N, C-alpha and C. Protein backbone atom coordinates (compact mmCIF):
# COMPACT_ATOMS: atom_id res chain seq x y z
N MET A 1 -34.96 4.58 -29.12
CA MET A 1 -33.89 3.45 -28.69
C MET A 1 -33.02 3.51 -27.52
N GLU A 2 -33.00 4.95 -27.06
CA GLU A 2 -31.89 5.53 -26.40
C GLU A 2 -32.27 4.80 -24.78
N GLU A 3 -33.53 4.48 -24.49
CA GLU A 3 -33.63 3.54 -23.29
C GLU A 3 -32.74 2.07 -23.64
N LEU A 4 -33.10 1.54 -24.56
CA LEU A 4 -32.55 0.38 -24.81
C LEU A 4 -30.89 0.53 -24.77
N GLY A 5 -30.39 1.59 -25.42
CA GLY A 5 -28.98 1.75 -25.11
C GLY A 5 -28.51 1.99 -23.68
N LEU A 6 -29.15 2.89 -23.03
CA LEU A 6 -29.19 2.94 -21.47
C LEU A 6 -29.13 1.71 -20.61
N ARG A 7 -30.42 0.59 -20.76
CA ARG A 7 -30.27 -0.52 -20.14
C ARG A 7 -28.96 -1.64 -20.57
N VAL A 8 -28.99 -1.57 -21.60
CA VAL A 8 -27.62 -2.21 -22.16
C VAL A 8 -26.44 -2.10 -21.63
N LYS A 9 -26.22 -0.67 -21.16
CA LYS A 9 -24.96 -0.30 -20.38
C LYS A 9 -24.87 -0.57 -19.32
N GLN A 10 -25.89 -0.50 -18.29
CA GLN A 10 -26.39 -0.55 -16.91
C GLN A 10 -26.49 -1.95 -16.81
N ARG A 11 -26.69 -3.03 -17.65
CA ARG A 11 -26.77 -4.46 -17.61
C ARG A 11 -25.41 -4.94 -17.57
N ARG A 12 -24.37 -4.33 -18.73
CA ARG A 12 -23.13 -4.72 -18.91
C ARG A 12 -22.29 -4.59 -17.52
N GLY A 13 -22.49 -3.13 -16.93
CA GLY A 13 -21.91 -2.77 -16.13
C GLY A 13 -20.14 -2.74 -16.40
N ALA A 14 -19.28 -3.60 -15.30
CA ALA A 14 -17.96 -3.64 -15.64
C ALA A 14 -17.49 -4.36 -16.41
N MET A 15 -18.60 -5.66 -16.92
CA MET A 15 -17.99 -6.53 -18.07
C MET A 15 -17.72 -6.04 -19.11
N GLY A 16 -16.98 -6.82 -19.99
CA GLY A 16 -16.22 -6.12 -21.17
C GLY A 16 -17.08 -6.65 -21.99
N ILE A 17 -17.31 -5.54 -23.30
CA ILE A 17 -18.10 -5.70 -24.35
C ILE A 17 -18.31 -6.90 -25.26
N ARG A 18 -17.05 -7.55 -25.06
CA ARG A 18 -17.14 -8.97 -25.68
C ARG A 18 -18.02 -10.27 -24.87
N GLU A 19 -17.54 -10.01 -23.46
CA GLU A 19 -17.83 -10.70 -22.83
C GLU A 19 -19.79 -10.69 -22.72
N ALA A 20 -20.15 -9.36 -22.64
CA ALA A 20 -21.28 -8.98 -22.94
C ALA A 20 -22.25 -9.49 -24.00
N ALA A 21 -21.54 -9.19 -24.91
CA ALA A 21 -22.29 -9.71 -26.19
C ALA A 21 -22.41 -11.04 -26.35
N GLN A 22 -21.45 -12.04 -25.93
CA GLN A 22 -21.67 -13.47 -26.02
C GLN A 22 -22.73 -13.87 -25.33
N GLU A 23 -22.63 -13.14 -23.99
CA GLU A 23 -23.93 -13.74 -23.14
C GLU A 23 -25.21 -13.27 -24.02
N ALA A 24 -25.50 -12.04 -24.53
CA ALA A 24 -26.56 -11.66 -24.96
C ALA A 24 -26.67 -12.26 -26.28
N GLY A 25 -25.81 -12.95 -27.22
CA GLY A 25 -26.11 -13.43 -28.43
C GLY A 25 -25.87 -12.72 -29.20
N VAL A 26 -25.25 -11.45 -29.27
CA VAL A 26 -24.83 -10.80 -30.37
C VAL A 26 -23.43 -10.27 -30.40
N SER A 27 -23.30 -9.92 -31.73
CA SER A 27 -21.73 -9.00 -31.80
C SER A 27 -21.28 -8.03 -30.68
N PRO A 28 -20.02 -8.02 -30.34
CA PRO A 28 -19.52 -7.03 -29.81
C PRO A 28 -20.10 -5.52 -30.53
N ALA A 29 -19.75 -5.51 -31.84
CA ALA A 29 -19.83 -4.25 -32.77
C ALA A 29 -21.33 -4.28 -32.69
N THR A 30 -22.12 -4.98 -32.83
CA THR A 30 -23.56 -4.32 -32.21
C THR A 30 -24.28 -4.10 -31.05
N LEU A 31 -23.49 -4.68 -30.01
CA LEU A 31 -24.08 -4.01 -28.75
C LEU A 31 -23.63 -2.54 -28.49
N SER A 32 -21.94 -2.85 -29.15
CA SER A 32 -21.53 -1.53 -28.97
C SER A 32 -22.71 -0.22 -29.83
N ARG A 33 -22.91 -0.57 -31.14
CA ARG A 33 -23.72 0.42 -31.73
C ARG A 33 -25.40 0.60 -30.91
N VAL A 34 -25.79 -0.40 -30.46
CA VAL A 34 -26.89 -0.37 -29.25
C VAL A 34 -26.63 0.55 -28.36
N GLU A 35 -25.56 0.32 -27.31
CA GLU A 35 -25.23 1.08 -26.42
C GLU A 35 -25.01 2.79 -27.08
N GLY A 36 -24.82 2.84 -28.14
CA GLY A 36 -24.60 4.36 -28.77
C GLY A 36 -26.03 4.71 -29.05
N GLY A 37 -26.81 4.09 -29.13
CA GLY A 37 -28.06 4.59 -29.44
C GLY A 37 -28.94 4.16 -30.84
N LYS A 38 -28.18 3.42 -31.36
CA LYS A 38 -28.59 3.30 -32.72
C LYS A 38 -29.37 1.68 -32.77
N GLN A 39 -30.63 1.68 -33.68
CA GLN A 39 -31.62 0.97 -33.19
C GLN A 39 -31.28 -0.11 -33.86
N PRO A 40 -31.34 -1.57 -33.36
CA PRO A 40 -31.02 -2.82 -33.72
C PRO A 40 -32.04 -3.41 -34.58
N ASP A 41 -32.05 -4.21 -35.18
CA ASP A 41 -32.94 -5.25 -35.87
C ASP A 41 -33.82 -5.88 -35.47
N LEU A 42 -34.85 -6.52 -35.55
CA LEU A 42 -35.75 -7.05 -35.15
C LEU A 42 -35.22 -8.26 -34.23
N SER A 43 -34.28 -9.25 -34.64
CA SER A 43 -33.42 -10.38 -34.21
C SER A 43 -32.74 -9.65 -33.06
N THR A 44 -31.95 -9.03 -33.05
CA THR A 44 -31.45 -8.25 -32.16
C THR A 44 -31.82 -7.93 -31.12
N PHE A 45 -33.18 -7.36 -31.26
CA PHE A 45 -34.07 -6.40 -30.25
C PHE A 45 -34.49 -7.62 -29.35
N GLU A 46 -34.90 -8.62 -30.00
CA GLU A 46 -35.11 -9.59 -29.34
C GLU A 46 -34.35 -10.30 -28.51
N LYS A 47 -33.21 -10.60 -28.89
CA LYS A 47 -32.46 -11.44 -28.06
C LYS A 47 -31.90 -10.39 -26.80
N LEU A 48 -31.66 -8.60 -26.97
CA LEU A 48 -31.52 -8.31 -26.11
C LEU A 48 -32.30 -8.10 -25.08
N CYS A 49 -34.12 -7.98 -25.53
CA CYS A 49 -34.87 -8.02 -24.47
C CYS A 49 -35.14 -9.24 -23.63
N LYS A 50 -34.77 -10.24 -24.22
CA LYS A 50 -34.59 -11.48 -23.34
C LYS A 50 -33.03 -11.41 -22.43
N TRP A 51 -32.03 -10.94 -22.81
CA TRP A 51 -30.93 -10.86 -22.00
C TRP A 51 -31.26 -9.80 -20.70
N LEU A 52 -31.86 -8.43 -21.38
CA LEU A 52 -32.10 -7.80 -20.14
C LEU A 52 -33.69 -8.15 -19.50
N ASP A 53 -34.32 -9.40 -19.88
CA ASP A 53 -35.11 -9.58 -18.92
C ASP A 53 -36.45 -8.26 -18.85
N VAL A 54 -36.70 -7.87 -19.93
CA VAL A 54 -37.38 -6.67 -19.99
C VAL A 54 -38.60 -7.06 -21.39
N ASP A 55 -39.65 -6.59 -21.29
CA ASP A 55 -40.96 -6.74 -21.88
C ASP A 55 -40.52 -5.93 -23.13
N PRO A 56 -40.82 -6.23 -24.40
CA PRO A 56 -40.24 -5.42 -25.75
C PRO A 56 -41.37 -4.03 -25.84
N ASN A 57 -42.79 -4.48 -25.12
CA ASN A 57 -43.53 -3.07 -25.10
C ASN A 57 -42.75 -2.03 -24.19
N THR A 58 -42.30 -2.35 -23.13
CA THR A 58 -41.66 -1.24 -22.35
C THR A 58 -40.70 -0.60 -22.82
N LEU A 59 -40.19 -1.10 -23.84
CA LEU A 59 -38.73 -0.63 -24.89
C LEU A 59 -39.67 0.63 -25.58
N LEU A 60 -40.61 -0.06 -26.31
CA LEU A 60 -41.29 0.40 -27.34
C LEU A 60 -42.28 1.63 -27.13
N GLY A 61 -42.55 1.86 -25.63
CA GLY A 61 -43.16 2.60 -25.13
C GLY A 61 -45.15 2.44 -25.15
N VAL A 62 -45.51 1.02 -25.60
CA VAL A 62 -46.40 0.53 -25.71
C VAL A 62 -46.97 -0.11 -24.29
N LYS A 63 -48.15 0.75 -24.13
CA LYS A 63 -49.11 0.05 -23.15
C LYS A 63 -50.04 -0.98 -23.15
N LYS A 64 -49.92 -1.92 -22.62
CA LYS A 64 -50.93 -2.99 -22.63
C LYS A 64 -52.46 -2.83 -22.50
N SER A 65 -53.20 -3.25 -23.44
CA SER A 65 -54.57 -2.65 -23.51
C SER A 65 -55.26 -4.04 -23.73
N SER A 66 -56.64 -3.85 -23.28
CA SER A 66 -57.34 -4.74 -23.61
C SER A 66 -57.92 -5.20 -25.06
N PRO A 67 -58.16 -6.19 -25.35
CA PRO A 67 -58.72 -6.44 -26.83
C PRO A 67 -59.71 -5.50 -27.38
N ALA A 68 -60.41 -5.19 -26.19
CA ALA A 68 -61.69 -4.61 -26.59
C ALA A 68 -61.64 -2.95 -27.17
N LYS A 69 -60.31 -2.36 -26.41
CA LYS A 69 -59.93 -1.21 -26.89
C LYS A 69 -58.96 -0.96 -28.20
N ASN A 70 -58.72 -2.41 -28.31
CA ASN A 70 -58.23 -2.04 -29.83
C ASN A 70 -58.64 -3.38 -30.60
N LEU A 71 -60.08 -2.86 -31.14
CA LEU A 71 -60.91 -4.08 -32.06
C LEU A 71 -59.79 -3.99 -33.60
N GLU A 72 -59.43 -3.09 -34.04
CA GLU A 72 -58.95 -3.16 -35.38
C GLU A 72 -58.00 -4.00 -35.80
N PHE A 73 -56.94 -4.05 -34.46
CA PHE A 73 -55.86 -5.30 -34.78
C PHE A 73 -55.54 -6.11 -33.69
N GLY A 74 -56.57 -6.06 -32.59
CA GLY A 74 -56.28 -7.00 -31.77
C GLY A 74 -55.07 -6.90 -30.74
N ASP A 75 -55.13 -7.14 -29.44
CA ASP A 75 -54.32 -6.85 -28.71
C ASP A 75 -53.24 -5.67 -28.71
N ALA A 76 -51.73 -5.87 -28.62
CA ALA A 76 -51.03 -4.99 -28.63
C ALA A 76 -50.43 -4.26 -30.14
N THR A 77 -50.99 -5.09 -31.13
CA THR A 77 -50.76 -4.65 -32.32
C THR A 77 -50.98 -3.56 -33.04
N GLY A 78 -52.22 -2.92 -32.88
CA GLY A 78 -52.50 -1.49 -33.29
C GLY A 78 -51.98 -0.62 -32.72
N GLN A 79 -51.10 -0.90 -31.35
CA GLN A 79 -50.16 0.04 -30.55
C GLN A 79 -49.07 0.13 -31.21
N VAL A 80 -48.49 -0.84 -31.43
CA VAL A 80 -47.52 -1.17 -31.98
C VAL A 80 -47.17 -0.39 -33.24
N PHE A 81 -48.35 -0.91 -34.32
CA PHE A 81 -48.52 -0.43 -35.70
C PHE A 81 -48.42 1.28 -35.66
N ALA A 82 -49.08 1.80 -34.33
CA ALA A 82 -48.98 3.24 -34.26
C ALA A 82 -47.99 3.72 -33.78
N HIS A 83 -47.06 2.99 -33.14
CA HIS A 83 -45.94 3.65 -32.67
C HIS A 83 -44.77 3.70 -34.35
N PHE A 84 -44.86 2.67 -35.07
CA PHE A 84 -43.81 2.68 -35.86
C PHE A 84 -44.15 3.45 -37.02
N ARG A 85 -45.70 3.51 -37.23
CA ARG A 85 -46.31 4.85 -38.34
C ARG A 85 -46.07 6.02 -38.09
N ALA A 86 -46.06 6.68 -36.54
CA ALA A 86 -45.65 7.69 -36.14
C ALA A 86 -44.02 8.10 -36.71
N LYS A 87 -43.33 7.43 -37.11
CA LYS A 87 -42.00 7.62 -37.44
C LYS A 87 -42.19 8.26 -38.78
N LYS A 88 -43.10 7.65 -39.60
CA LYS A 88 -43.24 8.81 -40.74
C LYS A 88 -41.87 8.01 -41.71
N ILE A 89 -41.37 7.13 -41.40
CA ILE A 89 -40.00 6.57 -42.28
C ILE A 89 -40.14 5.29 -43.09
N MET A 90 -41.65 4.85 -42.93
CA MET A 90 -41.50 3.67 -43.23
C MET A 90 -43.06 3.36 -44.04
N SER A 91 -43.13 2.66 -44.81
CA SER A 91 -44.72 2.59 -45.54
C SER A 91 -46.03 1.58 -44.47
N SER A 92 -46.97 2.05 -44.57
CA SER A 92 -48.02 1.31 -43.66
C SER A 92 -48.19 0.30 -43.64
N ALA A 93 -47.84 -0.70 -44.88
CA ALA A 93 -47.47 -2.22 -44.88
C ALA A 93 -46.65 -2.48 -44.38
N THR A 94 -45.23 -2.22 -43.85
CA THR A 94 -44.28 -2.28 -43.62
C THR A 94 -44.12 -2.11 -42.16
N ALA A 95 -45.15 -1.13 -41.38
CA ALA A 95 -45.39 -0.85 -39.69
C ALA A 95 -46.34 -1.91 -39.73
N SER A 96 -47.45 -2.19 -40.53
CA SER A 96 -48.20 -3.25 -39.88
C SER A 96 -47.29 -4.55 -39.58
N HIS A 97 -46.63 -4.88 -40.60
CA HIS A 97 -45.85 -6.74 -40.65
C HIS A 97 -45.11 -6.45 -39.08
N LEU A 98 -44.30 -5.17 -39.20
CA LEU A 98 -43.29 -5.15 -37.82
C LEU A 98 -44.20 -5.41 -36.66
N ALA A 99 -45.43 -4.89 -36.40
CA ALA A 99 -46.27 -4.60 -35.56
C ALA A 99 -46.59 -6.10 -34.97
N LYS A 100 -46.84 -6.88 -36.32
CA LYS A 100 -47.35 -8.30 -36.07
C LYS A 100 -46.08 -8.87 -35.50
N LEU A 101 -44.95 -8.83 -35.95
CA LEU A 101 -43.77 -9.67 -35.67
C LEU A 101 -43.47 -9.20 -34.20
N ILE A 102 -43.35 -8.12 -33.82
CA ILE A 102 -43.27 -7.76 -32.49
C ILE A 102 -44.13 -8.41 -31.47
N GLU A 103 -45.61 -8.18 -32.04
CA GLU A 103 -46.61 -8.94 -31.05
C GLU A 103 -46.47 -10.58 -31.00
N ALA A 104 -46.05 -11.22 -31.79
CA ALA A 104 -45.73 -12.90 -31.88
C ALA A 104 -44.45 -12.82 -31.18
N MET A 105 -43.42 -11.72 -31.12
CA MET A 105 -42.06 -12.17 -30.18
C MET A 105 -42.59 -11.80 -28.91
N ASN A 106 -43.50 -10.78 -28.41
CA ASN A 106 -43.90 -10.97 -27.26
C ASN A 106 -44.88 -11.89 -26.46
N ARG A 107 -45.19 -12.61 -27.48
CA ARG A 107 -45.90 -13.61 -26.80
C ARG A 107 -45.40 -14.86 -26.51
N GLU A 108 -43.98 -14.84 -27.36
CA GLU A 108 -43.16 -15.82 -27.05
C GLU A 108 -42.30 -15.76 -26.05
N LEU A 109 -42.28 -14.45 -25.48
CA LEU A 109 -41.13 -14.16 -24.39
C LEU A 109 -41.86 -14.38 -23.15
């Protein structure tokens, strides 16, 4: 999530933290934590991706693939699942649910 923090800092530029946070739809404390490299929750991640006008897959390091390459999960869900699962900090079920949420969010963006 370091890249997210860097992008937020770049986007904010000389703008004050309160003004940028309001524009992004998050609290100033949350924006400050993300700038410092902390991982946001899914809702905040979605808001910041929209504010930054960036594809969430880019920040997650997920490359888009054709469904034929990812038959088990369809589209990018398997890749997102693998990304979260590689961290070894959450259960397989949690990683799977998060991957599906991110894929749904990506479709909406």
